[in-house]
């Protein structure tokens, strides 16, 4: 996968996540969530996904010559440095959304190869 292909993929996925995030909020603000298990958990999941994908997009645009794995590693490091308060399930969903998005991109960039036959 080329950096341009990953940029297009990450941008498309970010746009989709942001649309779902917005729909789930119904015009509200994700910063004013009450921390309870609710429909907001889904919104926080999409928010985390959108933020992570935004980090990937910014990394690819800032360093277009980097290998895609290098770009994902840099975005992953930036994601890990983000301070996320321990505020319950909604914030856990936020972190999970970004982690899942990163894992999915890594799987596309480096899909698992065929399983070798067992040795006897």
PDB file of N, CA and C in Angstrom:
ATOM      1  N   UNK A   1       0.853  -1.170   0.000  1.00  0.00           N
ATOM      2  CA  UNK A   1       0.000   0.000   0.000  1.00  0.00           C
ATOM      3  C   UNK A   1       0.896   1.229   0.000  1.00  0.00           C
ATOM      4  N   UNK A   2       0.581   2.170  -0.845  1.00  0.00           N
ATOM      5  CA  UNK A   2       1.360   3.400  -0.926  1.00  0.00           C
ATOM      6  C   UNK A   2       0.866   4.416   0.111  1.00  0.00           C
ATOM      7  N   UNK A   3       1.700   5.413   0.430  1.00  0.00           N
ATOM      8  CA  UNK A   3       1.244   6.464   1.331  1.00  0.00           C
ATOM      9  C   UNK A   3      -0.016   7.178   0.804  1.00  0.00           C
ATOM     10  N   UNK A   4      -0.091   7.392  -0.497  1.00  0.00           N
ATOM     11  CA  UNK A   4      -1.272   8.054  -1.072  1.00  0.00           C
ATOM     12  C   UNK A   4      -2.525   7.192  -0.889  1.00  0.00           C
ATOM     13  N   UNK A   5      -2.387   5.890  -1.045  1.00  0.00           N
ATOM     14  CA  UNK A   5      -3.533   4.997  -0.847  1.00  0.00           C
ATOM     15  C   UNK A   5      -3.969   4.975   0.618  1.00  0.00           C
ATOM     16  N   UNK A   6      -2.991   4.957   1.522  1.00  0.00           N
ATOM     17  CA  UNK A   6      -3.326   4.981   2.944  1.00  0.00           C
ATOM     18  C   UNK A   6      -3.968   6.316   3.321  1.00  0.00           C
ATOM     19  N   UNK A   7      -3.477   7.399   2.766  1.00  0.00           N
ATOM     20  CA  UNK A   7      -4.069   8.716   3.023  1.00  0.00           C
ATOM     21  C   UNK A   7      -5.522   8.754   2.582  1.00  0.00           C
ATOM     22  N   UNK A   8      -5.789   8.233   1.414  1.00  0.00           N
ATOM     23  CA  UNK A   8      -7.166   8.189   0.903  1.00  0.00           C
ATOM     24  C   UNK A   8      -8.053   7.307   1.795  1.00  0.00           C
ATOM     25  N   UNK A   9      -7.546   6.143   2.180  1.00  0.00           N
ATOM     26  CA  UNK A   9      -8.297   5.221   3.029  1.00  0.00           C
ATOM     27  C   UNK A   9      -8.578   5.843   4.402  1.00  0.00           C
ATOM     28  N   UNK A  10      -7.544   6.400   5.026  1.00  0.00           N
ATOM     29  CA  UNK A  10      -7.713   7.010   6.349  1.00  0.00           C
ATOM     30  C   UNK A  10      -8.665   8.201   6.280  1.00  0.00           C
ATOM     31  N   UNK A  11      -8.556   9.003   5.234  1.00  0.00           N
ATOM     32  CA  UNK A  11      -9.448  10.163   5.072  1.00  0.00           C
ATOM     33  C   UNK A  11     -10.896   9.721   4.900  1.00  0.00           C
ATOM     34  N   UNK A  12     -11.116   8.710   4.082  1.00  0.00           N
ATOM     35  CA  UNK A  12     -12.479   8.199   3.871  1.00  0.00           C
ATOM     36  C   UNK A  12     -13.055   7.618   5.158  1.00  0.00           C
ATOM     37  N   UNK A  13     -12.248   6.862   5.890  1.00  0.00           N
ATOM     38  CA  UNK A  13     -12.728   6.269   7.140  1.00  0.00           C
ATOM     39  C   UNK A  13     -12.984   7.340   8.195  1.00  0.00           C
ATOM     40  N   UNK A  14     -12.142   8.377   8.190  1.00  0.00           N
ATOM     41  CA  UNK A  14     -12.348   9.467   9.149  1.00  0.00           C
ATOM     42  C   UNK A  14     -13.649  10.203   8.855  1.00  0.00           C
ATOM     43  N   UNK A  15     -13.891  10.464   7.599  1.00  0.00           N
ATOM     44  CA  UNK A  15     -15.132  11.149   7.202  1.00  0.00           C
ATOM     45  C   UNK A  15     -16.344  10.328   7.632  1.00  0.00           C
ATOM     46  N   UNK A  16     -16.306   9.031   7.411  1.00  0.00           N
ATOM     47  CA  UNK A  16     -17.420   8.160   7.793  1.00  0.00           C
ATOM     48  C   UNK A  16     -17.599   8.133   9.309  1.00  0.00           C
ATOM     49  N   UNK A  17     -16.504   8.017  10.054  1.00  0.00           N
ATOM     50  CA  UNK A  17     -16.591   7.996  11.518  1.00  0.00           C
ATOM     51  C   UNK A  17     -17.136   9.311  12.057  1.00  0.00           C
ATOM     52  N   UNK A  18     -16.708  10.408  11.460  1.00  0.00           N
ATOM     53  CA  UNK A  18     -17.176  11.728  11.901  1.00  0.00           C
ATOM     54  C   UNK A  18     -18.662  11.904  11.631  1.00  0.00           C
ATOM     55  N   UNK A  19     -19.135  11.397  10.509  1.00  0.00           N
ATOM     56  CA  UNK A  19     -20.571  11.478  10.202  1.00  0.00           C
ATOM     57  C   UNK A  19     -21.396  10.685  11.213  1.00  0.00           C
ATOM     58  N   UNK A  20     -20.953   9.470  11.533  1.00  0.00           N
ATOM     59  CA  UNK A  20     -21.674   8.653  12.511  1.00  0.00           C
ATOM     60  C   UNK A  20     -21.609   9.321  13.883  1.00  0.00           C
ATOM     61  N   UNK A  21     -20.449   9.832  14.250  1.00  0.00           N
ATOM     62  CA  UNK A  21     -20.257  10.526  15.523  1.00  0.00           C
ATOM     63  C   UNK A  21     -21.246  11.684  15.647  1.00  0.00           C
ATOM     64  N   UNK A  22     -21.337  12.471  14.603  1.00  0.00           N
ATOM     65  CA  UNK A  22     -22.253  13.615  14.593  1.00  0.00           C
ATOM     66  C   UNK A  22     -23.713  13.173  14.721  1.00  0.00           C
ATOM     67  N   UNK A  23     -24.071  12.136  13.995  1.00  0.00           N
ATOM     68  CA  UNK A  23     -25.448  11.621  14.067  1.00  0.00           C
ATOM     69  C   UNK A  23     -25.780  11.123  15.469  1.00  0.00           C
ATOM     70  N   UNK A  24     -24.838  10.428  16.090  1.00  0.00           N
ATOM     71  CA  UNK A  24     -25.076   9.892  17.428  1.00  0.00           C
ATOM     72  C   UNK A  24     -25.214  10.989  18.476  1.00  0.00           C
ATOM     73  N   UNK A  25     -24.510  12.095  18.277  1.00  0.00           N
ATOM     74  CA  UNK A  25     -24.603  13.204  19.223  1.00  0.00           C
ATOM     75  C   UNK A  25     -25.909  13.976  19.076  1.00  0.00           C
ATOM     76  N   UNK A  26     -26.504  13.906  17.905  1.00  0.00           N
ATOM     77  CA  UNK A  26     -27.770  14.598  17.689  1.00  0.00           C
ATOM     78  C   UNK A  26     -27.684  16.089  17.954  1.00  0.00           C
ATOM     79  N   UNK A  27     -26.583  16.707  17.595  1.00  0.00           N
ATOM     80  CA  UNK A  27     -26.426  18.143  17.786  1.00  0.00           C
ATOM     81  C   UNK A  27     -25.809  18.517  19.112  1.00  0.00           C
ATOM     82  N   UNK A  28     -25.542  17.545  19.975  1.00  0.00           N
ATOM     83  CA  UNK A  28     -24.922  17.827  21.268  1.00  0.00           C
ATOM     84  C   UNK A  28     -23.411  17.864  21.163  1.00  0.00           C
ATOM     85  N   UNK A  29     -22.769  18.090  22.283  1.00  0.00           N
ATOM     86  CA  UNK A  29     -21.318  18.155  22.342  1.00  0.00           C
ATOM     87  C   UNK A  29     -20.771  16.932  23.059  1.00  0.00           C
ATOM     88  N   UNK A  30     -19.758  16.311  22.485  1.00  0.00           N
ATOM     89  CA  UNK A  30     -19.172  15.140  23.138  1.00  0.00           C
ATOM     90  C   UNK A  30     -18.351  15.541  24.358  1.00  0.00           C
ATOM     91  N   UNK A  31     -18.033  16.820  24.495  1.00  0.00           N
ATOM     92  CA  UNK A  31     -17.293  17.283  25.670  1.00  0.00           C
ATOM     93  C   UNK A  31     -18.191  17.395  26.894  1.00  0.00           C
ATOM     94  N   UNK A  32     -19.486  17.369  26.709  1.00  0.00           N
ATOM     95  CA  UNK A  32     -20.421  17.544  27.815  1.00  0.00           C
ATOM     96  C   UNK A  32     -21.147  16.247  28.155  1.00  0.00           C
ATOM     97  N   UNK A  33     -20.460  15.147  27.951  1.00  0.00           N
ATOM     98  CA  UNK A  33     -21.081  13.861  28.256  1.00  0.00           C
ATOM     99  C   UNK A  33     -21.053  13.611  29.755  1.00  0.00           C
ATOM    100  N   UNK A  34     -22.000  12.865  30.222  1.00  0.00           N
ATOM    101  CA  UNK A  34     -22.124  12.630  31.656  1.00  0.00           C
ATOM    102  C   UNK A  34     -21.334  11.426  32.156  1.00  0.00           C
ATOM    103  N   UNK A  35     -20.695  10.681  31.278  1.00  0.00           N
ATOM    104  CA  UNK A  35     -19.884   9.540  31.687  1.00  0.00           C
ATOM    105  C   UNK A  35     -20.668   8.271  31.938  1.00  0.00           C
ATOM    106  N   UNK A  36     -21.975   8.303  31.803  1.00  0.00           N
ATOM    107  CA  UNK A  36     -22.773   7.102  32.034  1.00  0.00           C
ATOM    108  C   UNK A  36     -22.813   6.246  30.780  1.00  0.00           C
ATOM    109  N   UNK A  37     -23.122   4.973  30.970  1.00  0.00           N
ATOM    110  CA  UNK A  37     -23.291   4.083  29.832  1.00  0.00           C
ATOM    111  C   UNK A  37     -24.557   4.510  29.106  1.00  0.00           C
ATOM    112  N   UNK A  38     -24.419   4.908  27.866  1.00  0.00           N
ATOM    113  CA  UNK A  38     -25.550   5.455  27.132  1.00  0.00           C
ATOM    114  C   UNK A  38     -25.236   5.434  25.648  1.00  0.00           C
ATOM    115  N   UNK A  39     -26.104   6.082  24.881  1.00  0.00           N
ATOM    116  CA  UNK A  39     -25.832   6.239  23.453  1.00  0.00           C
ATOM    117  C   UNK A  39     -24.552   7.023  23.243  1.00  0.00           C
ATOM    118  N   UNK A  40     -24.153   7.759  24.262  1.00  0.00           N
ATOM    119  CA  UNK A  40     -22.915   8.534  24.147  1.00  0.00           C
ATOM    120  C   UNK A  40     -21.687   7.635  24.038  1.00  0.00           C
ATOM    121  N   UNK A  41     -21.791   6.411  24.547  1.00  0.00           N
ATOM    122  CA  UNK A  41     -20.658   5.497  24.435  1.00  0.00           C
ATOM    123  C   UNK A  41     -20.322   5.262  22.957  1.00  0.00           C
ATOM    124  N   UNK A  42     -21.352   5.091  22.137  1.00  0.00           N
ATOM    125  CA  UNK A  42     -21.132   4.930  20.700  1.00  0.00           C
ATOM    126  C   UNK A  42     -20.527   6.178  20.087  1.00  0.00           C
ATOM    127  N   UNK A  43     -20.961   7.336  20.565  1.00  0.00           N
ATOM    128  CA  UNK A  43     -20.407   8.590  20.059  1.00  0.00           C
ATOM    129  C   UNK A  43     -18.936   8.707  20.445  1.00  0.00           C
ATOM    130  N   UNK A  44     -18.596   8.334  21.685  1.00  0.00           N
ATOM    131  CA  UNK A  44     -17.201   8.398  22.108  1.00  0.00           C
ATOM    132  C   UNK A  44     -16.338   7.418  21.321  1.00  0.00           C
ATOM    133  N   UNK A  45     -16.885   6.264  20.978  1.00  0.00           N
ATOM    134  CA  UNK A  45     -16.171   5.293  20.160  1.00  0.00           C
ATOM    135  C   UNK A  45     -15.805   5.913  18.818  1.00  0.00           C
ATOM    136  N   UNK A  46     -16.785   6.560  18.184  1.00  0.00           N
ATOM    137  CA  UNK A  46     -16.542   7.194  16.879  1.00  0.00           C
ATOM    138  C   UNK A  46     -15.636   8.405  17.008  1.00  0.00           C
ATOM    139  N   UNK A  47     -15.732   9.118  18.137  1.00  0.00           N
ATOM    140  CA  UNK A  47     -14.844  10.261  18.344  1.00  0.00           C
ATOM    141  C   UNK A  47     -13.393   9.796  18.400  1.00  0.00           C
ATOM    142  N   UNK A  48     -13.131   8.741  19.172  1.00  0.00           N
ATOM    143  CA  UNK A  48     -11.773   8.212  19.250  1.00  0.00           C
ATOM    144  C   UNK A  48     -11.272   7.731  17.899  1.00  0.00           C
ATOM    145  N   UNK A  49     -12.150   7.075  17.163  1.00  0.00           N
ATOM    146  CA  UNK A  49     -11.797   6.616  15.817  1.00  0.00           C
ATOM    147  C   UNK A  49     -11.438   7.802  14.930  1.00  0.00           C
ATOM    148  N   UNK A  50     -12.260   8.836  14.971  1.00  0.00           N
ATOM    149  CA  UNK A  50     -12.034  10.016  14.142  1.00  0.00           C
ATOM    150  C   UNK A  50     -10.729  10.724  14.516  1.00  0.00           C
ATOM    151  N   UNK A  51     -10.460  10.832  15.810  1.00  0.00           N
ATOM    152  CA  UNK A  51      -9.231  11.498  16.254  1.00  0.00           C
ATOM    153  C   UNK A  51      -8.007  10.711  15.803  1.00  0.00           C
ATOM    154  N   UNK A  52      -8.013   9.401  15.991  1.00  0.00           N
ATOM    155  CA  UNK A  52      -6.875   8.585  15.562  1.00  0.00           C
ATOM    156  C   UNK A  52      -6.660   8.710  14.062  1.00  0.00           C
ATOM    157  N   UNK A  53      -7.727   8.596  13.296  1.00  0.00           N
ATOM    158  CA  UNK A  53      -7.594   8.701  11.834  1.00  0.00           C
ATOM    159  C   UNK A  53      -7.103  10.084  11.431  1.00  0.00           C
ATOM    160  N   UNK A  54      -7.501  11.109  12.166  1.00  0.00           N
ATOM    161  CA  UNK A  54      -6.983  12.457  11.907  1.00  0.00           C
ATOM    162  C   UNK A  54      -5.480  12.530  12.140  1.00  0.00           C
ATOM    163  N   UNK A  55      -4.998  11.847  13.177  1.00  0.00           N
ATOM    164  CA  UNK A  55      -3.552  11.807  13.426  1.00  0.00           C
ATOM    165  C   UNK A  55      -2.824  11.121  12.271  1.00  0.00           C
ATOM    166  N   UNK A  56      -3.406  10.057  11.755  1.00  0.00           N
ATOM    167  CA  UNK A  56      -2.802   9.345  10.619  1.00  0.00           C
ATOM    168  C   UNK A  56      -2.765  10.259   9.392  1.00  0.00           C
ATOM    169  N   UNK A  57      -3.871  10.912   9.112  1.00  0.00           N
ATOM    170  CA  UNK A  57      -3.947  11.811   7.951  1.00  0.00           C
ATOM    171  C   UNK A  57      -2.910  12.927   8.079  1.00  0.00           C
ATOM    172  N   UNK A  58      -2.829  13.553   9.252  1.00  0.00           N
ATOM    173  CA  UNK A  58      -1.854  14.637   9.441  1.00  0.00           C
ATOM    174  C   UNK A  58      -0.421  14.135   9.292  1.00  0.00           C
ATOM    175  N   UNK A  59      -0.149  12.952   9.818  1.00  0.00           N
ATOM    176  CA  UNK A  59       1.191  12.384   9.703  1.00  0.00           C
ATOM    177  C   UNK A  59       1.547  12.129   8.231  1.00  0.00           C
ATOM    178  N   UNK A  60       0.622  11.565   7.488  1.00  0.00           N
ATOM    179  CA  UNK A  60       0.880  11.275   6.069  1.00  0.00           C
ATOM    180  C   UNK A  60       1.073  12.562   5.266  1.00  0.00           C
ATOM    181  N   UNK A  61       0.304  13.578   5.576  1.00  0.00           N
ATOM    182  CA  UNK A  61       0.449  14.854   4.855  1.00  0.00           C
ATOM    183  C   UNK A  61       1.742  15.563   5.222  1.00  0.00           C
ATOM    184  N   UNK A  62       2.140  15.463   6.481  1.00  0.00           N
ATOM    185  CA  UNK A  62       3.359  16.142   6.925  1.00  0.00           C
ATOM    186  C   UNK A  62       4.633  15.439   6.443  1.00  0.00           C
ATOM    187  N   UNK A  63       4.540  14.136   6.239  1.00  0.00           N
ATOM    188  CA  UNK A  63       5.714  13.337   5.847  1.00  0.00           C
ATOM    189  C   UNK A  63       5.337  12.399   4.709  1.00  0.00           C
ATOM    190  N   UNK A  64       5.036  12.954   3.531  1.00  0.00           N
ATOM    191  CA  UNK A  64       4.539  12.116   2.431  1.00  0.00           C
ATOM    192  C   UNK A  64       5.538  11.084   1.925  1.00  0.00           C
ATOM    193  N   UNK A  65       6.804  11.253   2.212  1.00  0.00           N
ATOM    194  CA  UNK A  65       7.803  10.302   1.741  1.00  0.00           C
ATOM    195  C   UNK A  65       8.030   9.129   2.675  1.00  0.00           C
ATOM    196  N   UNK A  66       7.429   9.177   3.856  1.00  0.00           N
ATOM    197  CA  UNK A  66       7.616   8.086   4.818  1.00  0.00           C
ATOM    198  C   UNK A  66       6.907   6.820   4.356  1.00  0.00           C
ATOM    199  N   UNK A  67       7.456   5.694   4.749  1.00  0.00           N
ATOM    200  CA  UNK A  67       6.812   4.401   4.553  1.00  0.00           C
ATOM    201  C   UNK A  67       5.512   4.389   5.351  1.00  0.00           C
ATOM    202  N   UNK A  68       4.509   3.675   4.879  1.00  0.00           N
ATOM    203  CA  UNK A  68       3.207   3.674   5.561  1.00  0.00           C
ATOM    204  C   UNK A  68       3.306   3.115   6.983  1.00  0.00           C
ATOM    205  N   UNK A  69       4.165   2.146   7.204  1.00  0.00           N
ATOM    206  CA  UNK A  69       4.314   1.605   8.557  1.00  0.00           C
ATOM    207  C   UNK A  69       4.927   2.650   9.483  1.00  0.00           C
ATOM    208  N   UNK A  70       5.875   3.414   8.977  1.00  0.00           N
ATOM    209  CA  UNK A  70       6.482   4.489   9.759  1.00  0.00           C
ATOM    210  C   UNK A  70       5.427   5.528  10.119  1.00  0.00           C
ATOM    211  N   UNK A  71       4.571   5.860   9.169  1.00  0.00           N
ATOM    212  CA  UNK A  71       3.497   6.821   9.426  1.00  0.00           C
ATOM    213  C   UNK A  71       2.529   6.309  10.481  1.00  0.00           C
ATOM    214  N   UNK A  72       2.164   5.040  10.387  1.00  0.00           N
ATOM    215  CA  UNK A  72       1.260   4.463  11.386  1.00  0.00           C
ATOM    216  C   UNK A  72       1.919   4.411  12.760  1.00  0.00           C
ATOM    217  N   UNK A  73       3.205   4.105  12.804  1.00  0.00           N
ATOM    218  CA  UNK A  73       3.918   4.084  14.082  1.00  0.00           C
ATOM    219  C   UNK A  73       3.942   5.471  14.714  1.00  0.00           C
ATOM    220  N   UNK A  74       4.175   6.505  13.901  1.00  0.00           N
ATOM    221  CA  UNK A  74       4.207   7.886  14.412  1.00  0.00           C
ATOM    222  C   UNK A  74       2.828   8.315  14.912  1.00  0.00           C
ATOM    223  N   UNK A  75       1.784   7.976  14.172  1.00  0.00           N
ATOM    224  CA  UNK A  75       0.424   8.305  14.600  1.00  0.00           C
ATOM    225  C   UNK A  75       0.069   7.538  15.874  1.00  0.00           C
ATOM    226  N   UNK A  76       0.503   6.298  15.958  1.00  0.00           N
ATOM    227  CA  UNK A  76       0.257   5.482  17.146  1.00  0.00           C
ATOM    228  C   UNK A  76       0.933   6.102  18.369  1.00  0.00           C
ATOM    229  N   UNK A  77       2.152   6.581  18.204  1.00  0.00           N
ATOM    230  CA  UNK A  77       2.870   7.218  19.315  1.00  0.00           C
ATOM    231  C   UNK A  77       2.155   8.501  19.755  1.00  0.00           C
ATOM    232  N   UNK A  78       1.678   9.282  18.794  1.00  0.00           N
ATOM    233  CA  UNK A  78       0.932  10.505  19.128  1.00  0.00           C
ATOM    234  C   UNK A  78      -0.363  10.159  19.856  1.00  0.00           C
ATOM    235  N   UNK A  79      -1.035   9.115  19.430  1.00  0.00           N
ATOM    236  CA  UNK A  79      -2.273   8.653  20.072  1.00  0.00           C
ATOM    237  C   UNK A  79      -1.989   8.229  21.520  1.00  0.00           C
ATOM    238  N   UNK A  80      -0.909   7.500  21.727  1.00  0.00           N
ATOM    239  CA  UNK A  80      -0.565   7.018  23.061  1.00  0.00           C
ATOM    240  C   UNK A  80      -0.217   8.166  24.009  1.00  0.00           C
ATOM    241  N   UNK A  81       0.304   9.268  23.461  1.00  0.00           N
ATOM    242  CA  UNK A  81       0.666  10.429  24.294  1.00  0.00           C
ATOM    243  C   UNK A  81      -0.532  11.291  24.672  1.00  0.00           C
ATOM    244  N   UNK A  82      -1.660  11.082  24.017  1.00  0.00           N
ATOM    245  CA  UNK A  82      -2.830  11.904  24.313  1.00  0.00           C
ATOM    246  C   UNK A  82      -3.314  11.667  25.729  1.00  0.00           C
ATOM    247  N   UNK A  83      -3.487  12.726  26.489  1.00  0.00           N
ATOM    248  CA  UNK A  83      -4.033  12.520  27.826  1.00  0.00           C
ATOM    249  C   UNK A  83      -5.533  12.240  27.738  1.00  0.00           C
ATOM    250  N   UNK A  84      -5.932  11.117  28.257  1.00  0.00           N
ATOM    251  CA  UNK A  84      -7.350  10.764  28.279  1.00  0.00           C
ATOM    252  C   UNK A  84      -7.717  10.528  29.740  1.00  0.00           C
ATOM    253  N   UNK A  85      -8.565  11.376  30.281  1.00  0.00           N
ATOM    254  CA  UNK A  85      -8.929  11.201  31.692  1.00  0.00           C
ATOM    255  C   UNK A  85      -9.677   9.898  31.921  1.00  0.00           C
ATOM    256  N   UNK A  86      -9.510   9.372  33.089  1.00  0.00           N
ATOM    257  CA  UNK A  86     -10.230   8.152  33.456  1.00  0.00           C
ATOM    258  C   UNK A  86     -11.601   8.573  33.966  1.00  0.00           C
ATOM    259  N   UNK A  87     -12.554   8.617  33.038  1.00  0.00           N
ATOM    260  CA  UNK A  87     -13.888   9.097  33.382  1.00  0.00           C
ATOM    261  C   UNK A  87     -14.959   8.050  33.148  1.00  0.00           C
ATOM    262  N   UNK A  88     -14.599   6.810  33.091  1.00  0.00           N
ATOM    263  CA  UNK A  88     -15.608   5.782  32.957  1.00  0.00           C
ATOM    264  C   UNK A  88     -15.719   5.194  31.568  1.00  0.00           C
ATOM    265  N   UNK A  89     -16.864   4.583  31.340  1.00  0.00           N
ATOM    266  CA  UNK A  89     -17.082   3.797  30.125  1.00  0.00           C
ATOM    267  C   UNK A  89     -17.025   4.621  28.846  1.00  0.00           C
ATOM    268  N   UNK A  90     -17.540   5.832  28.861  1.00  0.00           N
ATOM    269  CA  UNK A  90     -17.500   6.642  27.643  1.00  0.00           C
ATOM    270  C   UNK A  90     -16.066   6.920  27.213  1.00  0.00           C
ATOM    271  N   UNK A  91     -15.201   7.204  28.188  1.00  0.00           N
ATOM    272  CA  UNK A  91     -13.810   7.485  27.850  1.00  0.00           C
ATOM    273  C   UNK A  91     -13.077   6.207  27.462  1.00  0.00           C
ATOM    274  N   UNK A  92     -13.465   5.092  28.045  1.00  0.00           N
ATOM    275  CA  UNK A  92     -12.898   3.812  27.606  1.00  0.00           C
ATOM    276  C   UNK A  92     -13.282   3.554  26.152  1.00  0.00           C
ATOM    277  N   UNK A  93     -14.508   3.901  25.806  1.00  0.00           N
ATOM    278  CA  UNK A  93     -14.964   3.735  24.420  1.00  0.00           C
ATOM    279  C   UNK A  93     -14.167   4.633  23.482  1.00  0.00           C
ATOM    280  N   UNK A  94     -13.867   5.855  23.915  1.00  0.00           N
ATOM    281  CA  UNK A  94     -13.054   6.778  23.121  1.00  0.00           C
ATOM    282  C   UNK A  94     -11.707   6.140  22.789  1.00  0.00           C
ATOM    283  N   UNK A  95     -11.048   5.628  23.811  1.00  0.00           N
ATOM    284  CA  UNK A  95      -9.736   5.010  23.608  1.00  0.00           C
ATOM    285  C   UNK A  95      -9.866   3.768  22.731  1.00  0.00           C
ATOM    286  N   UNK A  96     -10.894   2.959  22.977  1.00  0.00           N
ATOM    287  CA  UNK A  96     -11.108   1.739  22.185  1.00  0.00           C
ATOM    288  C   UNK A  96     -11.362   2.069  20.716  1.00  0.00           C
ATOM    289  N   UNK A  97     -12.096   3.149  20.440  1.00  0.00           N
ATOM    290  CA  UNK A  97     -12.363   3.545  19.059  1.00  0.00           C
ATOM    291  C   UNK A  97     -11.087   3.837  18.292  1.00  0.00           C
ATOM    292  N   UNK A  98     -10.171   4.570  18.929  1.00  0.00           N
ATOM    293  CA  UNK A  98      -8.890   4.857  18.281  1.00  0.00           C
ATOM    294  C   UNK A  98      -8.026   3.624  18.137  1.00  0.00           C
ATOM    295  N   UNK A  99      -7.989   2.807  19.196  1.00  0.00           N
ATOM    296  CA  UNK A  99      -7.182   1.583  19.148  1.00  0.00           C
ATOM    297  C   UNK A  99      -7.678   0.641  18.050  1.00  0.00           C
ATOM    298  N   UNK A 100      -9.002   0.510  17.938  1.00  0.00           N
ATOM    299  CA  UNK A 100      -9.575  -0.359  16.903  1.00  0.00           C
ATOM    300  C   UNK A 100      -9.258   0.163  15.505  1.00  0.00           C
ATOM    301  N   UNK A 101      -9.362   1.469  15.326  1.00  0.00           N
ATOM    302  CA  UNK A 101      -9.074   2.066  14.014  1.00  0.00           C
ATOM    303  C   UNK A 101      -7.613   1.834  13.628  1.00  0.00           C
ATOM    304  N   UNK A 102      -6.719   1.999  14.586  1.00  0.00           N
ATOM    305  CA  UNK A 102      -5.296   1.779  14.318  1.00  0.00           C
ATOM    306  C   UNK A 102      -5.042   0.314  13.961  1.00  0.00           C
ATOM    307  N   UNK A 103      -5.634  -0.593  14.732  1.00  0.00           N
ATOM    308  CA  UNK A 103      -5.464  -2.028  14.449  1.00  0.00           C
ATOM    309  C   UNK A 103      -5.980  -2.373  13.056  1.00  0.00           C
ATOM    310  N   UNK A 104      -7.131  -1.808  12.683  1.00  0.00           N
ATOM    311  CA  UNK A 104      -7.708  -2.082  11.363  1.00  0.00           C
ATOM    312  C   UNK A 104      -6.808  -1.565  10.243  1.00  0.00           C
ATOM    313  N   UNK A 105      -6.239  -0.364  10.417  1.00  0.00           N
ATOM    314  CA  UNK A 105      -5.331   0.161   9.394  1.00  0.00           C
ATOM    315  C   UNK A 105      -4.073  -0.695   9.291  1.00  0.00           C
ATOM    316  N   UNK A 106      -3.555  -1.111  10.422  1.00  0.00           N
ATOM    317  CA  UNK A 106      -2.357  -1.972  10.389  1.00  0.00           C
ATOM    318  C   UNK A 106      -2.651  -3.284   9.668  1.00  0.00           C
ATOM    319  N   UNK A 107      -3.840  -3.818   9.853  1.00  0.00           N
ATOM    320  CA  UNK A 107      -4.213  -5.068   9.182  1.00  0.00           C
ATOM    321  C   UNK A 107      -4.297  -4.878   7.671  1.00  0.00           C
ATOM    322  N   UNK A 108      -4.717  -3.712   7.230  1.00  0.00           N
ATOM    323  CA  UNK A 108      -4.794  -3.426   5.793  1.00  0.00           C
ATOM    324  C   UNK A 108      -3.395  -3.243   5.219  1.00  0.00           C
ATOM    325  N   UNK A 109      -2.548  -2.547   5.970  1.00  0.00           N
ATOM    326  CA  UNK A 109      -1.189  -2.270   5.507  1.00  0.00           C
ATOM    327  C   UNK A 109      -0.337  -3.531   5.516  1.00  0.00           C
ATOM    328  N   UNK A 110      -0.492  -4.330   6.537  1.00  0.00           N
ATOM    329  CA  UNK A 110       0.296  -5.567   6.675  1.00  0.00           C
ATOM    330  C   UNK A 110      -0.633  -6.731   6.939  1.00  0.00           C
ATOM    331  N   UNK A 111      -1.382  -7.158   5.917  1.00  0.00           N
ATOM    332  CA  UNK A 111      -2.302  -8.271   6.170  1.00  0.00           C
ATOM    333  C   UNK A 111      -1.542  -9.524   6.549  1.00  0.00           C
ATOM    334  N   UNK A 112      -2.159 -10.335   7.393  1.00  0.00           N
ATOM    335  CA  UNK A 112      -1.478 -11.571   7.769  1.00  0.00           C
ATOM    336  C   UNK A 112      -1.309 -12.449   6.528  1.00  0.00           C
ATOM    337  N   UNK A 113      -0.166 -13.056   6.458  1.00  0.00           N
ATOM    338  CA  UNK A 113       0.124 -13.919   5.313  1.00  0.00           C
ATOM    339  C   UNK A 113      -0.528 -15.273   5.465  1.00  0.00           C
ATOM    340  N   UNK A 114      -0.348 -16.107   4.471  1.00  0.00           N
ATOM    341  CA  UNK A 114      -0.909 -17.463   4.578  1.00  0.00           C
ATOM    342  C   UNK A 114      -0.244 -18.218   5.715  1.00  0.00           C
ATOM    343  N   UNK A 115      -0.998 -19.072   6.314  1.00  0.00           N
ATOM    344  CA  UNK A 115      -0.483 -19.889   7.408  1.00  0.00           C
ATOM    345  C   UNK A 115       0.341 -21.023   6.803  1.00  0.00           C
ATOM    346  N   UNK A 116       1.600 -21.144   7.224  1.00  0.00           N
ATOM    347  CA  UNK A 116       2.417 -22.208   6.671  1.00  0.00           C
ATOM    348  C   UNK A 116       1.919 -23.566   7.149  1.00  0.00           C
ATOM    349  N   UNK A 117       2.136 -24.586   6.346  1.00  0.00           N
ATOM    350  CA  UNK A 117       1.711 -25.931   6.773  1.00  0.00           C
ATOM    351  C   UNK A 117       2.521 -26.367   7.981  1.00  0.00           C
ATOM    352  N   UNK A 118       1.911 -27.168   8.834  1.00  0.00           N
ATOM    353  CA  UNK A 118       2.648 -27.632  10.018  1.00  0.00           C
ATOM    354  C   UNK A 118       3.842 -28.489   9.610  1.00  0.00           C
ATOM    355  N   UNK A 119       4.890 -28.399  10.397  1.00  0.00           N
ATOM    356  CA  UNK A 119       6.058 -29.251  10.152  1.00  0.00           C
ATOM    357  C   UNK A 119       5.869 -30.550  10.919  1.00  0.00           C
ATOM    358  N   UNK A 120       6.412 -31.611  10.365  1.00  0.00           N
ATOM    359  CA  UNK A 120       6.247 -32.924  11.006  1.00  0.00           C
ATOM    360  C   UNK A 120       7.536 -33.411  11.564  1.00  0.00           C
TER     361      UNK A 120
END
